[in-house]
Amino acid sequence: MKRVQLSEFAKAHGQTKAAQLLGMAQGSLSKAIRTGRDVYVTEHEDGTFTAEELRPFPSQHPKKPEAA
């Protein structure tokens, strides 16, 4: 298995082909790269690709203290 950042994957395959390989729209892939999302693509032994986004845990925003 090989794992690379989404932007590197798109450079290697072209954005249109990369989006097709991941089963998504090219515009969605472009926006994910442009906004700096932390997405990694894994190439599996059978030639398929999956993508995962790394996000802080918990992914919820911290709660603001209530005003008195």
N, C-alpha and C. Protein backbone atom coordinates (compact mmCIF):
# COMPACT_ATOMS: atom_id res chain seq x y z
N MET A 1 0.84 -1.18 0.00
CA MET A 1 0.00 0.00 0.00
C MET A 1 0.88 1.24 0.00
N LYS A 2 0.45 2.21 -0.74
CA LYS A 2 1.17 3.47 -0.84
C LYS A 2 0.21 4.59 -0.43
N ARG A 3 0.70 5.53 0.37
CA ARG A 3 -0.15 6.61 0.87
C ARG A 3 0.49 7.95 0.55
N VAL A 4 -0.27 8.86 -0.10
CA VAL A 4 0.23 10.18 -0.47
C VAL A 4 -0.83 11.23 -0.18
N GLN A 5 -0.39 12.48 -0.09
CA GLN A 5 -1.35 13.57 0.11
C GLN A 5 -2.18 13.74 -1.15
N LEU A 6 -3.39 14.25 -0.97
CA LEU A 6 -4.32 14.43 -2.09
C LEU A 6 -3.72 15.30 -3.18
N SER A 7 -3.03 16.36 -2.81
CA SER A 7 -2.46 17.25 -3.82
C SER A 7 -1.41 16.53 -4.66
N GLU A 8 -0.60 15.68 -4.04
CA GLU A 8 0.40 14.90 -4.78
C GLU A 8 -0.27 13.89 -5.71
N PHE A 9 -1.33 13.26 -5.23
CA PHE A 9 -2.08 12.30 -6.03
C PHE A 9 -2.66 12.99 -7.27
N ALA A 10 -3.22 14.18 -7.07
CA ALA A 10 -3.80 14.93 -8.19
C ALA A 10 -2.73 15.37 -9.18
N LYS A 11 -1.56 15.75 -8.69
CA LYS A 11 -0.47 16.13 -9.60
C LYS A 11 -0.02 14.94 -10.43
N ALA A 12 0.04 13.78 -9.83
CA ALA A 12 0.51 12.58 -10.52
C ALA A 12 -0.48 12.09 -11.58
N HIS A 13 -1.79 12.23 -11.31
CA HIS A 13 -2.81 11.67 -12.20
C HIS A 13 -3.58 12.72 -12.98
N GLY A 14 -3.45 14.00 -12.61
CA GLY A 14 -4.31 15.04 -13.15
C GLY A 14 -5.59 15.08 -12.34
N GLN A 15 -6.13 16.28 -12.14
CA GLN A 15 -7.29 16.40 -11.25
C GLN A 15 -8.52 15.64 -11.74
N THR A 16 -8.77 15.64 -13.04
CA THR A 16 -9.95 14.95 -13.55
C THR A 16 -9.85 13.45 -13.32
N LYS A 17 -8.72 12.85 -13.68
CA LYS A 17 -8.53 11.41 -13.52
C LYS A 17 -8.49 11.05 -12.03
N ALA A 18 -7.82 11.87 -11.21
CA ALA A 18 -7.75 11.60 -9.77
C ALA A 18 -9.15 11.59 -9.16
N ALA A 19 -9.98 12.53 -9.56
CA ALA A 19 -11.35 12.58 -9.05
C ALA A 19 -12.12 11.32 -9.47
N GLN A 20 -11.96 10.88 -10.71
CA GLN A 20 -12.63 9.67 -11.18
C GLN A 20 -12.17 8.46 -10.37
N LEU A 21 -10.87 8.35 -10.12
CA LEU A 21 -10.34 7.22 -9.36
C LEU A 21 -10.89 7.17 -7.94
N LEU A 22 -11.22 8.35 -7.39
CA LEU A 22 -11.75 8.42 -6.03
C LEU A 22 -13.27 8.44 -5.99
N GLY A 23 -13.92 8.46 -7.15
CA GLY A 23 -15.38 8.46 -7.20
C GLY A 23 -16.00 9.76 -6.76
N MET A 24 -15.37 10.87 -7.15
CA MET A 24 -15.89 12.18 -6.74
C MET A 24 -15.82 13.15 -7.92
N ALA A 25 -16.42 14.31 -7.77
CA ALA A 25 -16.40 15.34 -8.81
C ALA A 25 -15.05 16.06 -8.78
N GLN A 26 -14.60 16.48 -9.96
CA GLN A 26 -13.33 17.19 -10.06
C GLN A 26 -13.37 18.49 -9.26
N GLY A 27 -14.50 19.17 -9.26
CA GLY A 27 -14.63 20.42 -8.51
C GLY A 27 -14.47 20.21 -7.01
N SER A 28 -14.97 19.10 -6.50
CA SER A 28 -14.84 18.78 -5.07
C SER A 28 -13.38 18.51 -4.72
N LEU A 29 -12.69 17.79 -5.60
CA LEU A 29 -11.27 17.52 -5.38
C LEU A 29 -10.48 18.82 -5.40
N SER A 30 -10.76 19.67 -6.36
CA SER A 30 -10.08 20.96 -6.47
C SER A 30 -10.28 21.82 -5.23
N LYS A 31 -11.51 21.85 -4.73
CA LYS A 31 -11.81 22.66 -3.54
C LYS A 31 -11.10 22.10 -2.31
N ALA A 32 -11.04 20.79 -2.17
CA ALA A 32 -10.35 20.17 -1.03
C ALA A 32 -8.87 20.55 -1.04
N ILE A 33 -8.26 20.56 -2.22
CA ILE A 33 -6.85 20.95 -2.32
C ILE A 33 -6.69 22.44 -2.04
N ARG A 34 -7.55 23.25 -2.65
CA ARG A 34 -7.45 24.71 -2.51
C ARG A 34 -7.62 25.17 -1.07
N THR A 35 -8.50 24.52 -0.32
CA THR A 35 -8.74 24.94 1.07
C THR A 35 -7.78 24.30 2.06
N GLY A 36 -6.88 23.45 1.56
CA GLY A 36 -5.84 22.88 2.42
C GLY A 36 -6.31 21.76 3.33
N ARG A 37 -7.33 21.01 2.92
CA ARG A 37 -7.79 19.89 3.75
C ARG A 37 -6.70 18.84 3.82
N ASP A 38 -6.58 18.21 4.97
CA ASP A 38 -5.52 17.23 5.24
C ASP A 38 -5.99 15.84 4.83
N VAL A 39 -6.00 15.60 3.51
CA VAL A 39 -6.53 14.35 2.95
C VAL A 39 -5.38 13.52 2.39
N TYR A 40 -5.41 12.23 2.67
CA TYR A 40 -4.40 11.30 2.17
C TYR A 40 -5.08 10.22 1.35
N VAL A 41 -4.45 9.85 0.24
CA VAL A 41 -4.96 8.81 -0.65
C VAL A 41 -4.10 7.57 -0.49
N THR A 42 -4.75 6.43 -0.35
CA THR A 42 -4.06 5.14 -0.23
C THR A 42 -4.36 4.31 -1.46
N GLU A 43 -3.29 3.79 -2.07
CA GLU A 43 -3.45 2.85 -3.18
C GLU A 43 -3.33 1.45 -2.60
N HIS A 44 -4.37 0.65 -2.80
CA HIS A 44 -4.40 -0.70 -2.26
C HIS A 44 -3.79 -1.70 -3.24
N GLU A 45 -3.47 -2.87 -2.75
CA GLU A 45 -2.82 -3.90 -3.57
C GLU A 45 -3.64 -4.30 -4.78
N ASP A 46 -4.96 -4.18 -4.70
CA ASP A 46 -5.82 -4.55 -5.83
C ASP A 46 -5.98 -3.43 -6.86
N GLY A 47 -5.27 -2.31 -6.66
CA GLY A 47 -5.32 -1.20 -7.61
C GLY A 47 -6.39 -0.18 -7.34
N THR A 48 -7.16 -0.35 -6.27
CA THR A 48 -8.18 0.63 -5.91
C THR A 48 -7.57 1.72 -5.02
N PHE A 49 -8.30 2.82 -4.91
CA PHE A 49 -7.84 3.96 -4.11
C PHE A 49 -8.91 4.35 -3.10
N THR A 50 -8.48 4.75 -1.92
CA THR A 50 -9.38 5.33 -0.92
C THR A 50 -8.73 6.59 -0.38
N ALA A 51 -9.55 7.50 0.11
CA ALA A 51 -9.04 8.76 0.66
C ALA A 51 -9.58 8.92 2.08
N GLU A 52 -8.71 9.44 2.96
CA GLU A 52 -9.08 9.70 4.34
C GLU A 52 -8.64 11.10 4.72
N GLU A 53 -9.46 11.75 5.51
CA GLU A 53 -9.10 13.08 6.00
C GLU A 53 -8.70 12.98 7.46
N LEU A 54 -7.57 13.57 7.79
CA LEU A 54 -7.12 13.62 9.18
C LEU A 54 -7.70 14.88 9.81
N ARG A 55 -8.39 14.69 10.93
CA ARG A 55 -8.99 15.81 11.64
C ARG A 55 -8.74 15.65 13.12
N PRO A 56 -8.68 16.76 13.81
CA PRO A 56 -8.51 16.67 15.27
C PRO A 56 -9.68 15.93 15.90
N PHE A 57 -9.39 15.26 17.00
CA PHE A 57 -10.44 14.55 17.73
C PHE A 57 -10.57 15.18 19.10
N PRO A 58 -11.72 15.51 19.59
CA PRO A 58 -12.97 15.42 18.86
C PRO A 58 -13.05 16.51 17.80
N SER A 59 -13.83 16.27 16.78
CA SER A 59 -13.91 17.21 15.66
C SER A 59 -14.86 18.38 15.92
N GLN A 60 -15.52 18.35 17.06
CA GLN A 60 -16.42 19.44 17.42
C GLN A 60 -15.62 20.64 17.90
N HIS A 61 -16.18 21.81 17.67
CA HIS A 61 -15.54 23.03 18.17
C HIS A 61 -15.71 23.09 19.69
N PRO A 62 -14.71 23.64 20.39
CA PRO A 62 -14.85 23.74 21.86
C PRO A 62 -16.06 24.61 22.22
N LYS A 63 -16.72 24.23 23.28
CA LYS A 63 -17.88 24.99 23.72
C LYS A 63 -17.41 26.30 24.38
N LYS A 64 -18.16 27.35 24.08
CA LYS A 64 -17.86 28.66 24.68
C LYS A 64 -18.54 28.71 26.04
N PRO A 65 -17.87 29.33 27.03
CA PRO A 65 -18.52 29.45 28.35
C PRO A 65 -19.79 30.29 28.24
N GLU A 66 -20.78 29.88 28.99
CA GLU A 66 -22.05 30.62 28.98
C GLU A 66 -21.90 31.94 29.73
N ALA A 67 -22.53 32.97 29.22
CA ALA A 67 -22.49 34.29 29.86
C ALA A 67 -23.34 34.26 31.15
N ALA A 68 -22.86 34.95 32.17
CA ALA A 68 -23.58 34.96 33.44
C ALA A 68 -24.66 35.99 33.48
